[in-house]
Amino acid sequence: MFKSWANPLLAVGFGLALPLAAVAQNGIDYKEQEKLHEIAGAMQADRIENDIQTLVDFGTRHTLSETESDTRGIGAARRWIFAEFERISEACGGCLEVMYVSDTISGEERIPDPVEVKSVIAVQRGKTDPNRYVMMSGDIDSRVSDVMDYTSDAPGANDNASGVAGALEAARVLTQYEFDGSIVYAALAGEEQGLFGGKILAKKAKDEEWHLTAVLNNDMIGNIEGINGVINNTTARIFAEGTRMNESEREATMRRFYGGEVDSPSRNLARYIDTVADRYIANLDTMIVYRLDRFGRGGHHRPFNDLGYAGIRIMETNENYNRQHQDLRVENGIEYGDTIDGVDFDYAAKLTALNAVSMASMSWAPRPPAEVEIEGAVKPDTTLRWTPQAEDKENIAGYKIYWRLTSAPQWQFSRYVGNVNEYTLENVVIDNYIFGVASVSNDGFESPVVFPGPAGTFSIE
């Protein structure tokens, strides 16, 4: 929070590590984490291919499609996903809590009659801070040209069997480890009909007071051949909105005077993931896009953003619109339809690794600092304060302050300050930089950076 109108307080979000064998990169010290390299290398493209093929073989997974058949429709698909999560859980000694999360939707433009929108989630409980969560999601449902056509074949290989397959593969790998915080693997329903699966799960998270640090929505992570003719398997996009959707009038006024429009928790989550890509994912460069989603479009992170949670969308850089929301057909020599031959499984595995490493790093790290404040107006020094999280007292080594020029997209400087709740950067003028604070674990894992005040907090009321 900002201390007063005359005496502001700020902070930001991202991080990775520091104590012990630290590495310097662009003015940032961090500790190399061998376990994260192990996780990045453990993803198997052939398993992702098999999962996508299984989902495609259900014919259609439209939200309004068949639910009784064992071989066709969204009912069969979600039962298979549930069973697959249970198989993964059996392999780790029952470490996953697998459940359906559902509600009946009706009276909507794309769901006029009552339909049960039923998602599948699997929760890997943290050992020391089980009410802190990070989430990876994909979408179960598929569609063709007519969003209300629930009988035609809609393979939805890339959109979005690839995201669900990624969540399953991340679960297979990460369940071989124990974490301090909890991880949610989600296959969400009802996306094409109005983001209903996300709305239902976001409401559950808020009603049950989850401390939900991060939502990583994966929607189309397998295409490398763009409609623009570009073929590229080395880049990905991270969409992250700026100002919080639920910002109050007073908070908007504070942001005008103290900043924060590019340092929402979602933006600092995106910076965190971008840094993970640079350090741990070979041959992948991520592009942070300062927008909620593609131009005028949306995805399943949005319902979480609407409630104030940090959420981003991870996806391919070069989309092919001939393979999205299309009837299966050939016109003028062009093949239309979202079929499995349009998916690059190695690329899907690479983006799955980005998710898994990011979630592992955050889940081994402490919670992001709370109540971060900053002051330093008309002074040569900048002082930051924050509140330690009681849940992390056994896992906290200390804190790290980050700062960057106001026009810089990524953090440029850092200083580990130890296990304190206040620190002054001498001769660093508050007017010239953006600041933030990250928590650091005993093993050197860092939380996302938190920008000071309500604009940057990872907590919601």
Protein backbone atom coordinates (compact mmCIF):
# COMPACT_ATOMS: atom_id res chain seq x y z
CA MET A 1 0.00 0.00 0.00
CA PHE A 2 1.04 3.59 -0.45
CA LYS A 3 1.71 5.26 2.83
CA SER A 4 0.15 8.57 1.95
CA TRP A 5 -0.45 10.80 -1.03
CA ALA A 6 2.79 12.63 -0.24
CA ASN A 7 4.71 9.47 0.59
CA PRO A 8 4.02 6.61 -1.85
CA LEU A 9 4.69 2.84 -1.51
CA LEU A 10 5.26 0.38 -4.40
CA ALA A 11 6.46 -3.18 -5.35
CA VAL A 12 6.45 -5.73 -8.22
CA GLY A 13 6.47 -9.39 -9.22
CA PHE A 14 8.78 -12.16 -10.51
CA GLY A 15 11.83 -14.01 -9.21
CA LEU A 16 13.93 -17.10 -9.01
CA ALA A 17 16.76 -17.40 -6.48
CA LEU A 18 19.86 -16.15 -4.77
CA PRO A 19 21.60 -17.61 -1.71
CA LEU A 20 24.44 -20.06 -2.39
CA ALA A 21 25.99 -20.54 -5.86
CA ALA A 22 24.40 -17.52 -7.43
CA VAL A 23 24.53 -16.67 -11.12
CA ALA A 24 24.48 -13.14 -12.52
CA GLN A 25 22.32 -12.37 -15.53
CA ASN A 26 21.65 -8.82 -16.73
CA GLY A 27 22.22 -7.37 -13.27
CA ILE A 28 20.04 -10.08 -11.67
CA ASP A 29 21.54 -12.69 -9.33
CA TYR A 30 19.84 -16.06 -9.14
CA LYS A 31 20.54 -19.61 -8.06
CA GLU A 32 20.54 -22.27 -10.75
CA GLN A 33 18.05 -25.02 -9.84
CA GLU A 34 18.99 -28.47 -11.11
CA LYS A 35 15.56 -29.89 -10.29
CA LEU A 36 13.96 -27.46 -12.71
CA HIS A 37 16.26 -28.64 -15.49
CA GLU A 38 15.23 -32.23 -14.66
CA ILE A 39 11.54 -31.35 -14.93
CA ALA A 40 12.06 -29.50 -18.21
CA GLY A 41 13.72 -32.56 -19.72
CA ALA A 42 11.14 -35.07 -18.51
CA MET A 43 8.23 -34.17 -20.82
CA GLN A 44 7.48 -36.85 -23.42
CA ALA A 45 6.04 -35.78 -26.75
CA ASP A 46 4.78 -39.27 -27.54
CA ARG A 47 2.56 -39.32 -24.45
CA ILE A 48 1.16 -35.90 -25.41
CA GLU A 49 0.48 -37.24 -28.92
CA ASN A 50 -1.35 -40.27 -27.52
CA ASP A 51 -3.51 -38.08 -25.29
CA ILE A 52 -4.41 -35.70 -28.11
CA GLN A 53 -5.28 -38.65 -30.36
CA THR A 54 -7.52 -40.15 -27.67
CA LEU A 55 -9.39 -36.87 -27.25
CA VAL A 56 -9.75 -36.44 -31.03
CA ASP A 57 -11.17 -39.97 -31.27
CA PHE A 58 -14.23 -38.94 -29.24
CA GLY A 59 -15.48 -37.31 -32.44
CA THR A 60 -16.79 -34.13 -30.87
CA ARG A 61 -16.35 -32.69 -27.41
CA HIS A 62 -18.88 -29.91 -27.86
CA THR A 63 -20.38 -28.74 -24.55
CA LEU A 64 -23.89 -29.65 -25.76
CA SER A 65 -22.86 -33.02 -27.20
CA GLU A 66 -23.58 -36.60 -26.16
CA THR A 67 -22.93 -37.47 -22.50
CA GLU A 68 -24.12 -41.11 -22.26
CA SER A 69 -21.95 -42.75 -24.91
CA ASP A 70 -18.67 -44.33 -23.90
CA THR A 71 -17.04 -43.53 -27.22
CA ARG A 72 -18.36 -40.18 -28.44
CA GLY A 73 -19.08 -36.76 -27.00
CA ILE A 74 -18.00 -34.65 -24.07
CA GLY A 75 -19.28 -37.12 -21.47
CA ALA A 76 -16.94 -39.87 -22.66
CA ALA A 77 -14.07 -37.37 -22.94
CA ARG A 78 -14.36 -36.05 -19.42
CA ARG A 79 -14.72 -39.56 -17.96
CA TRP A 80 -11.53 -40.58 -19.76
CA ILE A 81 -9.69 -37.49 -18.42
CA PHE A 82 -10.92 -38.28 -14.90
CA ALA A 83 -9.71 -41.88 -15.23
CA GLU A 84 -6.35 -40.73 -16.60
CA PHE A 85 -5.79 -38.42 -13.62
CA GLU A 86 -6.69 -41.34 -11.35
CA ARG A 87 -4.10 -43.53 -13.12
CA ILE A 88 -1.49 -40.82 -12.58
CA SER A 89 -2.51 -40.61 -8.94
CA GLU A 90 -2.21 -44.37 -8.50
CA ALA A 91 1.36 -44.20 -9.82
CA CYS A 92 2.29 -41.65 -7.12
CA GLY A 93 0.58 -43.45 -4.24
CA GLY A 94 -2.66 -41.47 -4.33
CA CYS A 95 -1.07 -38.02 -4.38
CA LEU A 96 -3.87 -36.44 -6.46
CA GLU A 97 -7.38 -35.52 -5.38
CA VAL A 98 -9.40 -35.99 -8.58
CA MET A 99 -12.86 -34.43 -8.80
CA TYR A 100 -15.53 -32.98 -11.02
CA VAL A 101 -16.44 -29.32 -10.61
CA SER A 102 -19.78 -28.50 -12.21
CA ASP A 103 -22.89 -26.39 -12.35
CA THR A 104 -25.99 -26.31 -14.52
CA ILE A 105 -26.08 -23.46 -17.03
CA SER A 106 -29.14 -22.31 -18.98
CA GLY A 107 -30.69 -19.21 -20.50
CA GLU A 108 -27.46 -18.19 -22.22
CA GLU A 109 -27.07 -17.33 -25.89
CA ARG A 110 -24.87 -20.37 -26.49
CA ILE A 111 -26.47 -22.57 -23.80
CA PRO A 112 -30.19 -21.82 -24.05
CA ASP A 113 -31.39 -25.04 -22.37
CA PRO A 114 -30.13 -26.52 -19.09
CA VAL A 115 -26.75 -28.22 -19.50
CA GLU A 116 -24.38 -29.49 -16.83
CA VAL A 117 -20.99 -27.89 -17.48
CA LYS A 118 -18.61 -30.33 -15.82
CA SER A 119 -14.86 -29.82 -15.57
CA VAL A 120 -12.24 -32.25 -14.26
CA ILE A 121 -9.56 -31.12 -11.84
CA ALA A 122 -6.76 -32.90 -9.99
CA VAL A 123 -5.14 -31.33 -6.93
CA GLN A 124 -1.63 -32.19 -5.76
CA ARG A 125 -1.57 -30.95 -2.17
CA GLY A 126 1.37 -28.98 -0.87
CA LYS A 127 3.09 -30.35 2.21
CA THR A 128 3.58 -27.11 4.17
CA ASP A 129 1.18 -24.58 2.61
CA PRO A 130 -1.69 -26.59 1.11
CA ASN A 131 -4.05 -23.64 0.72
CA ARG A 132 -1.66 -21.90 -1.68
CA TYR A 133 -2.29 -22.91 -5.29
CA VAL A 134 -0.91 -22.56 -8.78
CA MET A 135 -2.97 -23.90 -11.68
CA MET A 136 -2.43 -25.17 -15.21
CA SER A 137 -5.56 -25.46 -17.33
CA GLY A 138 -6.66 -26.62 -20.78
CA ASP A 139 -10.15 -26.83 -22.30
CA ILE A 140 -12.07 -30.05 -22.89
CA ASP A 141 -14.61 -28.78 -25.41
CA SER A 142 -14.33 -28.39 -29.17
CA ARG A 143 -16.41 -26.79 -31.94
CA VAL A 144 -16.82 -26.32 -35.69
CA SER A 145 -17.90 -23.28 -37.73
CA ASP A 146 -21.37 -23.07 -36.15
CA VAL A 147 -20.83 -22.75 -32.40
CA MET A 148 -24.21 -24.42 -31.81
CA ASP A 149 -23.45 -27.48 -33.97
CA TYR A 150 -22.95 -30.24 -31.41
CA THR A 151 -23.28 -33.28 -33.73
CA SER A 152 -20.67 -32.76 -36.47
CA ASP A 153 -17.17 -34.09 -35.95
CA ALA A 154 -15.07 -31.45 -34.16
CA PRO A 155 -11.66 -33.03 -33.50
CA GLY A 156 -10.27 -29.97 -31.69
CA ALA A 157 -6.75 -31.39 -31.82
CA ASN A 158 -4.93 -28.14 -31.19
CA ASP A 159 -7.92 -26.21 -29.82
CA ASN A 160 -7.76 -27.49 -27.24
CA ALA A 161 -6.84 -31.12 -26.84
CA SER A 162 -3.24 -29.86 -26.80
CA GLY A 163 -3.87 -27.88 -23.60
CA VAL A 164 -5.56 -30.80 -21.83
CA ALA A 165 -2.80 -33.17 -22.93
CA GLY A 166 -0.29 -30.68 -21.54
CA ALA A 167 -2.01 -30.62 -18.16
CA LEU A 168 -2.01 -34.43 -18.05
CA GLU A 169 1.68 -34.61 -18.97
CA ALA A 170 2.61 -31.95 -16.42
CA ALA A 171 0.79 -33.99 -13.79
CA ARG A 172 2.67 -37.17 -14.75
CA VAL A 173 6.01 -35.43 -14.24
CA LEU A 174 5.31 -33.15 -11.27
CA THR A 175 3.65 -35.89 -9.19
CA GLN A 176 7.11 -37.44 -8.91
CA TYR A 177 8.01 -34.54 -6.60
CA GLU A 178 6.67 -33.02 -3.39
CA PHE A 179 6.03 -29.29 -3.15
CA ASP A 180 5.34 -26.78 -0.41
CA GLY A 181 2.34 -25.29 -2.21
CA SER A 182 -0.49 -27.08 -4.02
CA ILE A 183 -0.78 -27.56 -7.78
CA VAL A 184 -4.08 -27.81 -9.68
CA TYR A 185 -4.29 -29.53 -13.06
CA ALA A 186 -7.57 -28.54 -14.72
CA ALA A 187 -9.49 -29.67 -17.80
CA LEU A 188 -12.15 -26.99 -18.07
CA ALA A 189 -15.47 -27.35 -19.89
CA GLY A 190 -17.74 -24.84 -21.61
CA GLU A 191 -15.02 -22.54 -22.94
CA GLU A 192 -16.39 -22.13 -26.45
CA GLN A 193 -19.91 -21.52 -25.14
CA GLY A 194 -18.90 -18.66 -22.81
CA LEU A 195 -15.99 -19.54 -20.47
CA PHE A 196 -18.36 -21.27 -18.08
CA GLY A 197 -15.99 -23.91 -16.73
CA GLY A 198 -13.55 -21.19 -15.71
CA LYS A 199 -16.31 -19.12 -14.14
CA ILE A 200 -17.46 -22.09 -12.07
CA LEU A 201 -13.96 -22.99 -10.87
CA ALA A 202 -13.00 -19.36 -10.16
CA LYS A 203 -16.10 -19.02 -7.99
CA LYS A 204 -15.16 -22.22 -6.14
CA ALA A 205 -11.65 -20.87 -5.51
CA LYS A 206 -13.00 -17.61 -4.12
CA ASP A 207 -15.77 -19.23 -2.05
CA GLU A 208 -13.28 -21.67 -0.51
CA GLU A 209 -10.69 -18.88 0.00
CA TRP A 210 -7.93 -20.49 -2.01
CA HIS A 211 -4.73 -18.44 -2.01
CA LEU A 212 -4.50 -18.79 -5.78
CA THR A 213 -1.16 -17.30 -6.83
CA ALA A 214 -1.19 -18.11 -10.53
CA VAL A 215 -3.48 -19.40 -13.30
CA LEU A 216 -1.67 -20.64 -16.41
CA ASN A 217 -4.27 -21.07 -19.14
CA ASN A 218 -3.01 -23.16 -22.06
CA ASP A 219 -5.17 -22.71 -25.12
CA MET A 220 -3.60 -23.95 -28.36
CA ILE A 221 -0.02 -24.95 -27.62
CA GLY A 222 0.68 -27.24 -30.57
CA ASN A 223 0.63 -25.32 -33.85
CA ILE A 224 3.86 -24.03 -35.41
CA GLU A 225 2.62 -23.19 -38.93
CA GLY A 226 0.91 -19.79 -39.06
CA ILE A 227 -1.71 -18.48 -41.46
CA ASN A 228 0.94 -15.91 -42.36
CA GLY A 229 3.22 -18.61 -43.77
CA VAL A 230 5.67 -18.51 -40.85
CA ILE A 231 6.81 -21.87 -39.48
CA ASN A 232 8.46 -21.48 -36.09
CA ASN A 233 8.82 -23.81 -33.11
CA THR A 234 11.05 -21.55 -31.00
CA THR A 235 8.66 -18.87 -29.75
CA ALA A 236 5.50 -18.64 -27.67
CA ARG A 237 3.21 -15.89 -26.42
CA ILE A 238 2.18 -15.02 -22.87
CA PHE A 239 -0.89 -12.79 -22.75
CA ALA A 240 -1.23 -10.75 -19.55
CA GLU A 241 -3.67 -7.96 -18.79
CA GLY A 242 -2.60 -4.78 -17.02
CA THR A 243 -4.97 -2.97 -14.68
CA ARG A 244 -7.06 -5.28 -12.53
CA MET A 245 -10.62 -5.78 -13.71
CA ASN A 246 -11.94 -5.26 -10.16
CA GLU A 247 -9.95 -2.11 -9.40
CA SER A 248 -11.85 0.41 -7.24
CA GLU A 249 -12.12 4.13 -8.02
CA ARG A 250 -9.74 4.92 -5.16
CA GLU A 251 -7.23 2.34 -6.39
CA ALA A 252 -7.42 3.82 -9.90
CA THR A 253 -6.59 7.25 -8.47
CA MET A 254 -3.63 5.79 -6.56
CA ARG A 255 -2.38 4.08 -9.70
CA ARG A 256 -2.52 7.37 -11.59
CA PHE A 257 -0.14 8.98 -9.10
CA TYR A 258 2.03 6.02 -8.08
CA GLY A 259 2.03 3.81 -11.18
CA GLY A 260 1.30 0.13 -11.55
CA GLU A 261 -0.50 0.02 -14.89
CA VAL A 262 2.15 -2.35 -16.27
CA ASP A 263 2.78 -4.18 -12.98
CA SER A 264 -0.42 -6.03 -12.20
CA PRO A 265 0.10 -9.48 -10.66
CA SER A 266 -0.70 -10.99 -14.07
CA ARG A 267 2.05 -8.95 -15.73
CA ASN A 268 4.57 -9.93 -13.07
CA LEU A 269 3.48 -13.54 -13.36
CA ALA A 270 4.19 -13.26 -17.09
CA ARG A 271 7.64 -11.80 -16.36
CA TYR A 272 8.31 -14.73 -14.04
CA ILE A 273 7.39 -17.27 -16.73
CA ASP A 274 9.41 -15.37 -19.33
CA THR A 275 12.43 -15.65 -17.05
CA VAL A 276 11.82 -19.37 -16.55
CA ALA A 277 11.85 -19.80 -20.32
CA ASP A 278 15.18 -17.98 -20.63
CA ARG A 279 16.83 -20.04 -17.90
CA TYR A 280 15.35 -23.51 -18.21
CA ILE A 281 13.59 -24.13 -21.54
CA ALA A 282 16.00 -24.77 -24.40
CA ASN A 283 15.38 -23.01 -27.70
CA LEU A 284 12.29 -21.09 -26.56
CA ASP A 285 11.81 -17.35 -26.53
CA THR A 286 8.57 -16.10 -25.00
CA MET A 287 6.86 -12.89 -26.01
CA ILE A 288 4.89 -11.11 -23.28
CA VAL A 289 1.86 -9.48 -24.87
CA TYR A 290 0.43 -6.57 -22.88
CA ARG A 291 -3.19 -7.51 -23.48
CA LEU A 292 -5.77 -9.79 -21.86
CA ASP A 293 -5.85 -12.02 -24.94
CA ARG A 294 -5.75 -11.87 -28.73
CA PHE A 295 -7.36 -8.74 -30.16
CA GLY A 296 -11.02 -8.72 -29.08
CA ARG A 297 -10.91 -12.41 -28.08
CA GLY A 298 -10.86 -14.30 -24.80
CA GLY A 299 -9.83 -17.42 -22.95
CA HIS A 300 -10.33 -19.32 -19.72
CA HIS A 301 -7.93 -17.20 -17.66
CA ARG A 302 -10.36 -14.30 -17.93
CA PRO A 303 -12.89 -15.49 -15.31
CA PHE A 304 -10.01 -15.66 -12.82
CA ASN A 305 -8.78 -12.19 -13.82
CA ASP A 306 -12.34 -10.94 -13.33
CA LEU A 307 -12.13 -11.90 -9.64
CA GLY A 308 -8.69 -10.34 -9.20
CA TYR A 309 -6.50 -13.45 -9.54
CA ALA A 310 -3.22 -13.40 -11.46
CA GLY A 311 -3.83 -15.30 -14.68
CA ILE A 312 -2.18 -15.47 -18.08
CA ARG A 313 -2.60 -17.30 -21.38
CA ILE A 314 0.25 -19.36 -22.83
CA MET A 315 -0.06 -20.25 -26.51
CA GLU A 316 1.65 -20.60 -29.86
CA THR A 317 2.94 -17.49 -31.61
CA ASN A 318 1.70 -18.20 -35.13
CA GLU A 319 -1.96 -19.20 -35.33
CA ASN A 320 -3.57 -20.87 -38.31
CA TYR A 321 -7.17 -19.72 -38.59
CA ASN A 322 -7.94 -22.40 -41.20
CA ARG A 323 -7.56 -24.87 -38.32
CA GLN A 324 -9.68 -23.05 -35.75
CA HIS A 325 -13.47 -23.27 -35.37
CA GLN A 326 -13.87 -24.78 -38.85
CA ASP A 327 -16.05 -27.47 -40.40
CA LEU A 328 -13.93 -30.30 -41.80
CA ARG A 329 -13.76 -29.60 -45.54
CA VAL A 330 -11.62 -28.72 -48.54
CA GLU A 331 -12.32 -25.47 -50.40
CA ASN A 332 -10.27 -24.12 -53.28
CA GLY A 333 -7.55 -26.58 -52.45
CA ILE A 334 -7.35 -25.44 -48.80
CA GLU A 335 -7.94 -27.97 -46.02
CA TYR A 336 -9.98 -26.65 -43.13
CA GLY A 337 -10.40 -28.18 -39.70
CA ASP A 338 -8.55 -28.73 -36.43
CA THR A 339 -7.10 -32.15 -37.15
CA ILE A 340 -4.21 -33.87 -35.44
CA ASP A 341 -1.87 -33.53 -38.41
CA GLY A 342 -1.71 -29.80 -37.60
CA VAL A 343 -0.12 -30.42 -34.18
CA ASP A 344 3.62 -30.45 -33.54
CA PHE A 345 4.03 -32.70 -30.50
CA ASP A 346 7.60 -31.70 -29.68
CA TYR A 347 6.50 -28.07 -29.58
CA ALA A 348 3.53 -28.95 -27.34
CA ALA A 349 5.96 -30.76 -25.04
CA LYS A 350 8.18 -27.67 -24.94
CA LEU A 351 5.31 -25.40 -23.86
CA THR A 352 4.18 -28.04 -21.36
CA ALA A 353 7.69 -27.95 -19.89
CA LEU A 354 7.43 -24.17 -19.58
CA ASN A 355 4.25 -24.61 -17.52
CA ALA A 356 5.61 -27.41 -15.37
CA VAL A 357 8.88 -25.66 -14.53
CA SER A 358 7.07 -22.40 -13.74
CA MET A 359 4.60 -24.14 -11.43
CA ALA A 360 7.33 -26.17 -9.73
CA SER A 361 9.41 -23.06 -9.10
CA MET A 362 6.47 -21.17 -7.62
CA SER A 363 5.37 -24.18 -5.55
CA TRP A 364 8.81 -24.65 -4.00
CA ALA A 365 9.05 -20.91 -3.36
CA PRO A 366 7.32 -19.12 -0.49
CA ARG A 367 4.16 -17.09 -1.02
CA PRO A 368 4.65 -13.70 -2.66
CA PRO A 369 5.14 -10.98 -0.01
CA ALA A 370 1.99 -9.32 1.32
CA GLU A 371 1.20 -5.66 1.98
CA VAL A 372 4.18 -4.38 0.05
CA GLU A 373 4.70 -0.64 0.50
CA ILE A 374 7.16 1.91 -0.81
CA GLU A 375 8.21 5.44 0.05
CA GLY A 376 10.86 7.88 -1.03
CA ALA A 377 9.27 10.98 -2.53
CA VAL A 378 11.66 13.98 -2.51
CA LYS A 379 14.40 11.79 -0.99
CA PRO A 380 17.63 10.33 -2.36
CA ASP A 381 16.71 6.83 -1.11
CA THR A 382 13.85 4.39 -1.66
CA THR A 383 12.42 2.31 1.19
CA LEU A 384 10.26 -0.79 0.78
CA ARG A 385 8.30 -2.62 3.48
CA TRP A 386 6.30 -5.83 3.42
CA THR A 387 4.58 -8.31 5.70
CA PRO A 388 6.03 -11.82 6.07
CA GLN A 389 3.57 -14.65 5.42
CA ALA A 390 3.00 -16.81 8.49
CA GLU A 391 2.53 -19.90 6.32
CA ASP A 392 6.14 -19.64 5.12
CA LYS A 393 8.03 -19.27 8.38
CA GLU A 394 9.79 -22.64 7.92
CA ASN A 395 10.56 -22.08 4.23
CA ILE A 396 11.66 -18.45 4.11
CA ALA A 397 15.31 -17.52 3.79
CA GLY A 398 14.65 -13.88 3.06
CA TYR A 399 13.54 -11.38 0.45
CA LYS A 400 14.85 -9.86 -2.73
CA ILE A 401 14.19 -6.39 -4.07
CA TYR A 402 13.93 -5.89 -7.83
CA TRP A 403 13.93 -2.67 -9.79
CA ARG A 404 14.03 -1.51 -13.40
CA LEU A 405 13.78 1.63 -15.46
CA THR A 406 10.15 2.67 -15.95
CA SER A 407 10.34 1.93 -19.68
CA ALA A 408 12.03 -1.47 -19.32
CA PRO A 409 9.85 -4.55 -19.94
CA GLN A 410 11.77 -6.88 -17.60
CA TRP A 411 13.54 -6.55 -14.24
CA GLN A 412 17.09 -5.23 -14.59
CA PHE A 413 18.53 -5.07 -11.06
CA SER A 414 18.13 -7.03 -7.85
CA ARG A 415 19.41 -7.15 -4.30
CA TYR A 416 18.97 -9.93 -1.76
CA VAL A 417 18.28 -8.22 1.58
CA GLY A 418 17.91 -11.14 4.00
CA ASN A 419 15.06 -12.06 6.31
CA VAL A 420 13.82 -8.55 7.08
CA ASN A 421 10.57 -6.75 6.40
CA GLU A 422 12.00 -3.34 5.50
CA TYR A 423 14.94 -2.21 3.43
CA THR A 424 16.28 1.08 2.09
CA LEU A 425 18.06 1.31 -1.26
CA GLU A 426 20.43 4.18 -0.72
CA ASN A 427 20.88 6.66 -3.56
CA VAL A 428 18.28 4.90 -5.71
CA VAL A 429 15.69 7.57 -6.51
CA ILE A 430 12.09 6.38 -6.47
CA ASP A 431 11.07 8.61 -9.40
CA ASN A 432 13.37 6.87 -11.88
CA TYR A 433 12.49 3.20 -11.39
CA ILE A 434 9.77 0.64 -10.83
CA PHE A 435 10.28 -1.56 -7.76
CA GLY A 436 9.11 -4.89 -6.41
CA VAL A 437 9.80 -7.56 -3.80
CA ALA A 438 10.03 -11.36 -4.06
CA SER A 439 10.17 -14.00 -1.33
CA VAL A 440 13.12 -16.44 -1.37
CA SER A 441 13.04 -19.99 0.02
CA ASN A 442 15.78 -21.77 1.93
CA ASP A 443 16.70 -23.54 -1.31
CA GLY A 444 16.77 -20.33 -3.33
CA PHE A 445 13.42 -20.59 -5.11
CA GLU A 446 11.71 -17.24 -5.60
CA SER A 447 8.12 -16.14 -5.73
CA PRO A 448 6.83 -13.80 -8.41
CA VAL A 449 7.73 -10.17 -7.76
CA VAL A 450 5.07 -8.01 -6.10
CA PHE A 451 4.60 -4.37 -7.07
CA PRO A 452 3.70 -2.19 -4.04
CA GLY A 453 0.11 -1.33 -3.23
CA PRO A 454 -3.21 -2.70 -4.48
CA ALA A 455 -2.16 -2.54 -8.13
CA GLY A 456 0.41 -5.28 -7.63
CA THR A 457 -0.83 -7.50 -4.81
CA PHE A 458 -1.31 -11.22 -5.39
CA SER A 459 -3.92 -11.34 -2.62
CA ILE A 460 -7.62 -10.73 -3.22
CA GLU A 461 -10.20 -9.68 -0.69
